[in-house]
Structure formats: structure tokens, C-alpha cells
N, C-alpha and C. Protein backbone atom coordinates (compact mmCIF):
# COMPACT_ATOMS: atom_id res chain seq x y z
N MET A 1 7.51 28.56 -1.83
CA MET A 1 7.01 28.20 -0.51
C MET A 1 6.24 29.39 0.06
N SER A 2 5.15 29.10 0.75
CA SER A 2 4.40 30.16 1.42
C SER A 2 4.39 29.87 2.91
N SER A 3 4.21 30.91 3.69
CA SER A 3 4.16 30.75 5.13
C SER A 3 3.35 31.89 5.74
N ALA A 4 2.53 31.55 6.72
CA ALA A 4 1.75 32.56 7.44
C ALA A 4 1.61 32.10 8.88
N ILE A 5 1.49 33.04 9.79
CA ILE A 5 1.28 32.71 11.20
C ILE A 5 0.06 33.47 11.70
N THR A 6 -0.83 32.74 12.35
CA THR A 6 -2.06 33.31 12.90
C THR A 6 -2.23 32.80 14.32
N ASP A 7 -2.26 33.70 15.27
CA ASP A 7 -2.53 33.33 16.67
C ASP A 7 -1.62 32.18 17.14
N GLY A 8 -0.35 32.24 16.72
CA GLY A 8 0.63 31.24 17.16
C GLY A 8 0.70 29.99 16.30
N ILE A 9 -0.15 29.87 15.29
CA ILE A 9 -0.13 28.70 14.41
C ILE A 9 0.52 29.10 13.08
N ARG A 10 1.65 28.48 12.78
CA ARG A 10 2.34 28.74 11.52
C ARG A 10 1.97 27.65 10.52
N VAL A 11 1.58 28.09 9.31
CA VAL A 11 1.26 27.16 8.23
C VAL A 11 2.22 27.46 7.08
N SER A 12 3.04 26.47 6.73
CA SER A 12 3.98 26.59 5.62
C SER A 12 3.63 25.56 4.57
N VAL A 13 3.71 25.96 3.30
CA VAL A 13 3.34 25.07 2.20
C VAL A 13 4.42 25.10 1.13
N GLU A 14 4.77 23.91 0.65
CA GLU A 14 5.67 23.77 -0.48
C GLU A 14 4.94 22.96 -1.55
N CYS A 15 5.01 23.41 -2.79
CA CYS A 15 4.24 22.81 -3.88
C CYS A 15 5.17 22.29 -4.96
N PHE A 16 4.75 21.22 -5.65
CA PHE A 16 5.52 20.71 -6.77
C PHE A 16 4.60 20.07 -7.80
N TYR A 17 5.04 20.11 -9.04
CA TYR A 17 4.32 19.54 -10.18
C TYR A 17 4.56 18.04 -10.23
N VAL A 18 3.52 17.27 -10.61
CA VAL A 18 3.61 15.81 -10.67
C VAL A 18 3.43 15.38 -12.13
N PRO A 19 4.50 15.36 -12.91
CA PRO A 19 4.38 15.08 -14.35
C PRO A 19 3.85 13.69 -14.66
N GLU A 20 4.18 12.70 -13.85
CA GLU A 20 3.75 11.33 -14.15
C GLU A 20 2.24 11.13 -14.01
N GLN A 21 1.55 12.05 -13.34
CA GLN A 21 0.09 11.96 -13.21
C GLN A 21 -0.62 13.01 -14.08
N SER A 22 0.16 13.83 -14.74
CA SER A 22 -0.41 14.91 -15.56
C SER A 22 -0.55 14.48 -17.02
N ALA A 23 -1.44 15.15 -17.73
CA ALA A 23 -1.66 14.93 -19.16
C ALA A 23 -1.96 16.28 -19.80
N PRO A 24 -0.92 17.06 -20.08
CA PRO A 24 -1.12 18.42 -20.61
C PRO A 24 -2.01 18.49 -21.85
N ARG A 25 -1.92 17.52 -22.74
CA ARG A 25 -2.77 17.55 -23.95
C ARG A 25 -4.24 17.42 -23.61
N ALA A 26 -4.53 16.81 -22.48
CA ALA A 26 -5.92 16.66 -22.00
C ALA A 26 -6.27 17.74 -20.98
N GLN A 27 -5.42 18.75 -20.87
CA GLN A 27 -5.61 19.85 -19.91
C GLN A 27 -5.74 19.31 -18.48
N ARG A 28 -4.84 18.44 -18.11
CA ARG A 28 -4.79 17.87 -16.76
C ARG A 28 -3.39 18.09 -16.21
N TYR A 29 -3.32 18.97 -15.21
CA TYR A 29 -2.06 19.31 -14.57
C TYR A 29 -2.20 18.97 -13.09
N VAL A 30 -1.36 18.06 -12.62
CA VAL A 30 -1.46 17.59 -11.24
C VAL A 30 -0.33 18.22 -10.42
N PHE A 31 -0.71 18.76 -9.28
CA PHE A 31 0.23 19.37 -8.37
C PHE A 31 0.08 18.73 -6.99
N ALA A 32 1.18 18.54 -6.32
CA ALA A 32 1.15 18.06 -4.94
C ALA A 32 1.70 19.18 -4.06
N TYR A 33 1.25 19.19 -2.81
CA TYR A 33 1.75 20.19 -1.89
C TYR A 33 1.92 19.55 -0.51
N THR A 34 2.97 19.96 0.16
CA THR A 34 3.25 19.49 1.51
C THR A 34 3.01 20.65 2.47
N VAL A 35 2.16 20.40 3.46
CA VAL A 35 1.80 21.41 4.44
C VAL A 35 2.41 21.04 5.79
N ARG A 36 3.01 22.01 6.43
CA ARG A 36 3.53 21.83 7.80
C ARG A 36 2.82 22.85 8.68
N ILE A 37 2.11 22.35 9.69
CA ILE A 37 1.38 23.19 10.64
C ILE A 37 2.13 23.10 11.96
N THR A 38 2.60 24.22 12.46
CA THR A 38 3.40 24.24 13.68
C THR A 38 2.74 25.15 14.72
N ASN A 39 2.63 24.65 15.93
CA ASN A 39 2.10 25.48 17.02
C ASN A 39 3.26 26.20 17.68
N GLU A 40 3.41 27.47 17.36
CA GLU A 40 4.47 28.29 17.94
C GLU A 40 3.95 29.10 19.13
N GLY A 41 2.69 28.91 19.46
CA GLY A 41 2.09 29.65 20.57
C GLY A 41 2.17 28.89 21.88
N PRO A 42 1.63 29.49 22.95
CA PRO A 42 1.71 28.88 24.29
C PRO A 42 0.55 27.95 24.63
N LEU A 43 -0.46 27.84 23.74
CA LEU A 43 -1.65 27.05 24.05
C LEU A 43 -1.88 25.95 23.02
N THR A 44 -2.42 24.82 23.46
CA THR A 44 -2.76 23.71 22.59
C THR A 44 -3.91 24.11 21.66
N ALA A 45 -3.86 23.63 20.42
CA ALA A 45 -4.92 23.92 19.45
C ALA A 45 -5.18 22.68 18.59
N GLN A 46 -6.45 22.50 18.21
CA GLN A 46 -6.82 21.39 17.34
C GLN A 46 -7.36 21.91 16.02
N LEU A 47 -6.89 21.32 14.92
CA LEU A 47 -7.40 21.64 13.59
C LEU A 47 -8.69 20.85 13.40
N ARG A 48 -9.79 21.54 13.13
CA ARG A 48 -11.08 20.85 12.97
C ARG A 48 -11.54 20.79 11.52
N THR A 49 -11.43 21.93 10.79
CA THR A 49 -11.91 21.95 9.40
C THR A 49 -10.92 22.69 8.51
N ARG A 50 -11.12 22.52 7.19
CA ARG A 50 -10.28 23.20 6.21
C ARG A 50 -11.16 23.92 5.20
N HIS A 51 -10.61 24.96 4.62
CA HIS A 51 -11.27 25.70 3.53
C HIS A 51 -10.19 26.11 2.55
N TRP A 52 -10.27 25.58 1.34
CA TRP A 52 -9.32 25.91 0.29
C TRP A 52 -10.01 26.70 -0.82
N VAL A 53 -9.30 27.65 -1.40
CA VAL A 53 -9.74 28.38 -2.58
C VAL A 53 -8.68 28.14 -3.65
N ILE A 54 -9.10 27.46 -4.73
CA ILE A 54 -8.18 27.07 -5.80
C ILE A 54 -8.60 27.82 -7.06
N THR A 55 -7.66 28.57 -7.64
CA THR A 55 -7.96 29.39 -8.82
C THR A 55 -7.00 29.01 -9.94
N ASP A 56 -7.56 28.69 -11.13
CA ASP A 56 -6.69 28.35 -12.25
C ASP A 56 -6.38 29.61 -13.06
N ALA A 57 -5.56 29.46 -14.09
CA ALA A 57 -5.11 30.62 -14.88
C ALA A 57 -6.23 31.26 -15.68
N ASP A 58 -7.34 30.55 -15.87
CA ASP A 58 -8.49 31.12 -16.57
C ASP A 58 -9.44 31.85 -15.62
N GLY A 59 -9.11 31.87 -14.34
CA GLY A 59 -9.95 32.54 -13.35
C GLY A 59 -11.04 31.66 -12.77
N HIS A 60 -11.07 30.38 -13.14
CA HIS A 60 -12.05 29.45 -12.58
C HIS A 60 -11.69 29.17 -11.12
N VAL A 61 -12.66 29.31 -10.22
CA VAL A 61 -12.41 29.14 -8.79
C VAL A 61 -13.18 27.92 -8.27
N ASP A 62 -12.47 27.06 -7.54
CA ASP A 62 -13.08 25.94 -6.82
C ASP A 62 -12.84 26.17 -5.33
N GLU A 63 -13.88 25.94 -4.54
CA GLU A 63 -13.71 26.01 -3.09
C GLU A 63 -13.94 24.63 -2.52
N VAL A 64 -13.07 24.25 -1.60
CA VAL A 64 -13.16 22.94 -0.96
C VAL A 64 -13.25 23.16 0.55
N ARG A 65 -14.28 22.59 1.14
CA ARG A 65 -14.46 22.66 2.59
C ARG A 65 -14.63 21.25 3.12
N GLY A 66 -14.11 21.02 4.31
CA GLY A 66 -14.28 19.68 4.86
C GLY A 66 -13.72 19.56 6.26
N GLU A 67 -13.97 18.39 6.83
CA GLU A 67 -13.47 18.08 8.16
C GLU A 67 -11.99 17.73 8.09
N GLY A 68 -11.19 18.27 8.97
CA GLY A 68 -9.79 17.90 9.11
C GLY A 68 -8.98 17.95 7.83
N VAL A 69 -7.85 17.24 7.88
CA VAL A 69 -6.96 17.12 6.73
C VAL A 69 -6.49 15.68 6.64
N VAL A 70 -6.48 15.12 5.45
CA VAL A 70 -6.09 13.73 5.19
C VAL A 70 -6.63 12.77 6.26
N GLY A 71 -7.90 12.95 6.60
CA GLY A 71 -8.55 12.06 7.55
C GLY A 71 -8.20 12.29 9.01
N ALA A 72 -7.52 13.38 9.31
CA ALA A 72 -7.09 13.64 10.69
C ALA A 72 -7.54 15.03 11.14
N GLN A 73 -7.71 15.16 12.45
CA GLN A 73 -7.96 16.46 13.08
C GLN A 73 -6.90 16.61 14.17
N PRO A 74 -5.67 16.94 13.74
CA PRO A 74 -4.55 16.92 14.69
C PRO A 74 -4.67 17.96 15.80
N THR A 75 -4.27 17.53 16.99
CA THR A 75 -4.15 18.42 18.14
C THR A 75 -2.67 18.70 18.33
N LEU A 76 -2.33 19.98 18.38
CA LEU A 76 -0.93 20.39 18.48
C LEU A 76 -0.68 21.11 19.80
N ARG A 77 0.16 20.51 20.61
CA ARG A 77 0.60 21.18 21.83
C ARG A 77 1.68 22.20 21.44
N PRO A 78 1.99 23.15 22.31
CA PRO A 78 3.04 24.12 22.00
C PRO A 78 4.33 23.41 21.57
N GLY A 79 4.88 23.86 20.44
CA GLY A 79 6.11 23.28 19.92
C GLY A 79 5.91 22.09 18.98
N GLN A 80 4.73 21.54 18.92
CA GLN A 80 4.48 20.38 18.05
C GLN A 80 4.10 20.83 16.64
N HIS A 81 4.28 19.89 15.70
CA HIS A 81 3.88 20.17 14.32
C HIS A 81 3.20 18.93 13.73
N PHE A 82 2.48 19.16 12.64
CA PHE A 82 1.82 18.10 11.87
C PHE A 82 2.11 18.39 10.41
N GLU A 83 2.50 17.36 9.67
CA GLU A 83 2.83 17.54 8.27
C GLU A 83 2.10 16.51 7.42
N TYR A 84 1.64 16.93 6.26
CA TYR A 84 0.97 16.01 5.34
C TYR A 84 1.17 16.48 3.91
N THR A 85 0.97 15.56 2.98
CA THR A 85 1.04 15.88 1.55
C THR A 85 -0.29 15.52 0.91
N SER A 86 -0.76 16.40 0.05
CA SER A 86 -2.00 16.19 -0.68
C SER A 86 -1.80 16.75 -2.08
N GLY A 87 -2.87 16.85 -2.86
CA GLY A 87 -2.71 17.35 -4.20
C GLY A 87 -3.97 17.92 -4.78
N CYS A 88 -3.84 18.51 -5.96
CA CYS A 88 -4.98 19.04 -6.70
C CYS A 88 -4.71 18.95 -8.19
N VAL A 89 -5.78 18.98 -8.96
CA VAL A 89 -5.70 18.89 -10.41
C VAL A 89 -6.26 20.18 -10.99
N LEU A 90 -5.51 20.79 -11.90
CA LEU A 90 -5.95 22.00 -12.60
C LEU A 90 -6.14 21.70 -14.09
N ARG A 91 -6.94 22.54 -14.73
CA ARG A 91 -7.10 22.47 -16.19
C ARG A 91 -6.08 23.34 -16.90
N THR A 92 -5.35 24.15 -16.15
CA THR A 92 -4.33 25.03 -16.70
C THR A 92 -2.99 24.72 -16.06
N ALA A 93 -1.91 25.18 -16.70
CA ALA A 93 -0.56 24.89 -16.23
C ALA A 93 -0.13 25.81 -15.08
N ARG A 94 -1.04 26.68 -14.67
CA ARG A 94 -0.70 27.63 -13.59
C ARG A 94 -1.96 27.95 -12.81
N GLY A 95 -1.79 28.18 -11.52
CA GLY A 95 -2.90 28.57 -10.67
C GLY A 95 -2.40 28.93 -9.29
N THR A 96 -3.34 29.17 -8.39
CA THR A 96 -2.99 29.50 -7.00
C THR A 96 -3.91 28.75 -6.05
N MET A 97 -3.42 28.59 -4.84
CA MET A 97 -4.24 28.06 -3.74
C MET A 97 -4.01 28.93 -2.52
N ARG A 98 -5.06 29.04 -1.72
CA ARG A 98 -4.99 29.74 -0.44
C ARG A 98 -6.11 29.18 0.41
N GLY A 99 -6.12 29.51 1.69
CA GLY A 99 -7.21 29.02 2.51
C GLY A 99 -7.02 29.26 3.98
N THR A 100 -7.78 28.47 4.76
CA THR A 100 -7.72 28.57 6.23
C THR A 100 -7.97 27.20 6.85
N TYR A 101 -7.45 27.05 8.05
CA TYR A 101 -7.77 25.92 8.91
C TYR A 101 -8.50 26.47 10.13
N ARG A 102 -9.67 25.93 10.44
CA ARG A 102 -10.40 26.35 11.63
C ARG A 102 -9.78 25.63 12.83
N MET A 103 -9.26 26.41 13.75
CA MET A 103 -8.56 25.90 14.93
C MET A 103 -9.39 26.14 16.19
N HIS A 104 -9.35 25.18 17.11
CA HIS A 104 -10.05 25.28 18.39
C HIS A 104 -9.04 25.11 19.52
N ARG A 105 -9.07 26.05 20.43
CA ARG A 105 -8.19 25.97 21.61
C ARG A 105 -8.95 25.35 22.78
N GLU A 106 -8.20 24.84 23.73
CA GLU A 106 -8.80 24.21 24.92
C GLU A 106 -9.65 25.19 25.73
N ASP A 107 -9.32 26.50 25.64
CA ASP A 107 -10.07 27.51 26.40
C ASP A 107 -11.35 27.96 25.68
N GLY A 108 -11.65 27.30 24.52
CA GLY A 108 -12.86 27.63 23.79
C GLY A 108 -12.67 28.63 22.66
N HIS A 109 -11.49 29.24 22.57
CA HIS A 109 -11.20 30.21 21.51
C HIS A 109 -11.13 29.48 20.16
N VAL A 110 -11.85 30.01 19.17
CA VAL A 110 -11.87 29.45 17.82
C VAL A 110 -11.36 30.52 16.86
N PHE A 111 -10.48 30.13 15.93
CA PHE A 111 -9.94 31.09 14.97
C PHE A 111 -9.57 30.37 13.68
N ASP A 112 -9.41 31.15 12.62
CA ASP A 112 -9.00 30.62 11.32
C ASP A 112 -7.52 30.90 11.10
N ALA A 113 -6.73 29.84 11.02
CA ALA A 113 -5.30 29.98 10.72
C ALA A 113 -5.15 30.14 9.22
N GLU A 114 -4.48 31.20 8.81
CA GLU A 114 -4.33 31.50 7.39
C GLU A 114 -3.36 30.55 6.70
N ILE A 115 -3.74 30.14 5.49
CA ILE A 115 -2.84 29.43 4.58
C ILE A 115 -2.54 30.45 3.49
N ALA A 116 -1.34 31.00 3.50
CA ALA A 116 -0.99 32.06 2.55
C ALA A 116 -1.03 31.52 1.12
N THR A 117 -1.34 32.40 0.19
CA THR A 117 -1.41 32.03 -1.23
C THR A 117 -0.09 31.44 -1.70
N PHE A 118 -0.20 30.32 -2.41
CA PHE A 118 0.99 29.74 -3.05
C PHE A 118 0.67 29.43 -4.50
N LEU A 119 1.73 29.41 -5.30
CA LEU A 119 1.61 29.25 -6.74
C LEU A 119 1.70 27.79 -7.14
N LEU A 120 0.81 27.39 -8.05
CA LEU A 120 0.86 26.08 -8.68
C LEU A 120 1.31 26.34 -10.11
N GLN A 121 2.48 25.84 -10.48
CA GLN A 121 2.95 26.08 -11.85
C GLN A 121 3.99 25.04 -12.23
N LEU A 122 4.12 24.84 -13.51
CA LEU A 122 5.13 23.93 -14.02
C LEU A 122 6.51 24.50 -13.72
N PRO A 123 7.47 23.63 -13.50
CA PRO A 123 8.85 24.13 -13.35
C PRO A 123 9.26 24.87 -14.61
N SER A 124 10.12 25.84 -14.49
CA SER A 124 10.50 26.68 -15.64
C SER A 124 11.08 25.86 -16.78
N THR A 125 11.65 24.72 -16.50
CA THR A 125 12.22 23.88 -17.56
C THR A 125 11.13 23.25 -18.43
N LEU A 126 9.87 23.23 -17.94
CA LEU A 126 8.77 22.63 -18.70
C LEU A 126 7.88 23.65 -19.38
N ASN A 127 8.06 24.93 -19.11
CA ASN A 127 7.18 25.97 -19.67
C ASN A 127 7.38 26.12 -21.16
């Protein structure tokens, strides 16, 4: 699990391997991750965009940018959280993800909430 806090916004991520959607012989490894975004600060903030950096074990890097997350641009009042699950496909059995969420406050302040690096890897029983 990874966790980071930026300007009162905590982003925690838990990742797991999805064997039923993976095909190791075809170099297809599917991972799912659950993200929890919590507003621990005193001001309301809205998530507008995302930026992910996905790196496989061969050093191949994919960057993903887009509006919101899972079709939403959640607004979080102090103490509120938003949680979602998504996934990614790698060509290797191991990799990393990291990124940022662009957040907008009601007072006009804009900042990037850090998504700390987390590991994508097969459970040790499958290595």
C-alpha cells in the first residue's frame, strides 16, 4: 500500500494481481488498484484531472492523462473521501505506478496531489 498527503489531500492506493484476466505466456499481466482520496484539510477541493506514470520491469514507460477518475470529478468537503477501483495491463510481471491528481479549491488555489509510487507485482506464491 502507498500513501501520500499533499495540501490536506491524502491519496492511498492498494494494488492486487488479477490472475483470471492475465495470460503470462502472452506477456499479459493485469493488476487492479483501489484508490482512496481523503480530504484531511480545512477546505473543499475538487479532483479535475489525473496523470499516471506506469513503468514495467523492462523500463518501458506509459503516461496516462485525462479528465477525472472513472468518469467522475469528485468534490471533497473536509473529512470526505472518494474511493474507486481501476486497473492496468503490463507486459512484465512487475512494475510501478505513480502520479498526481490536479485539485482545485473553491478559493482558486490549484495543486497536484501526489500519488506515491506503488508496486505492481505477482503475489510471492506465483513468482
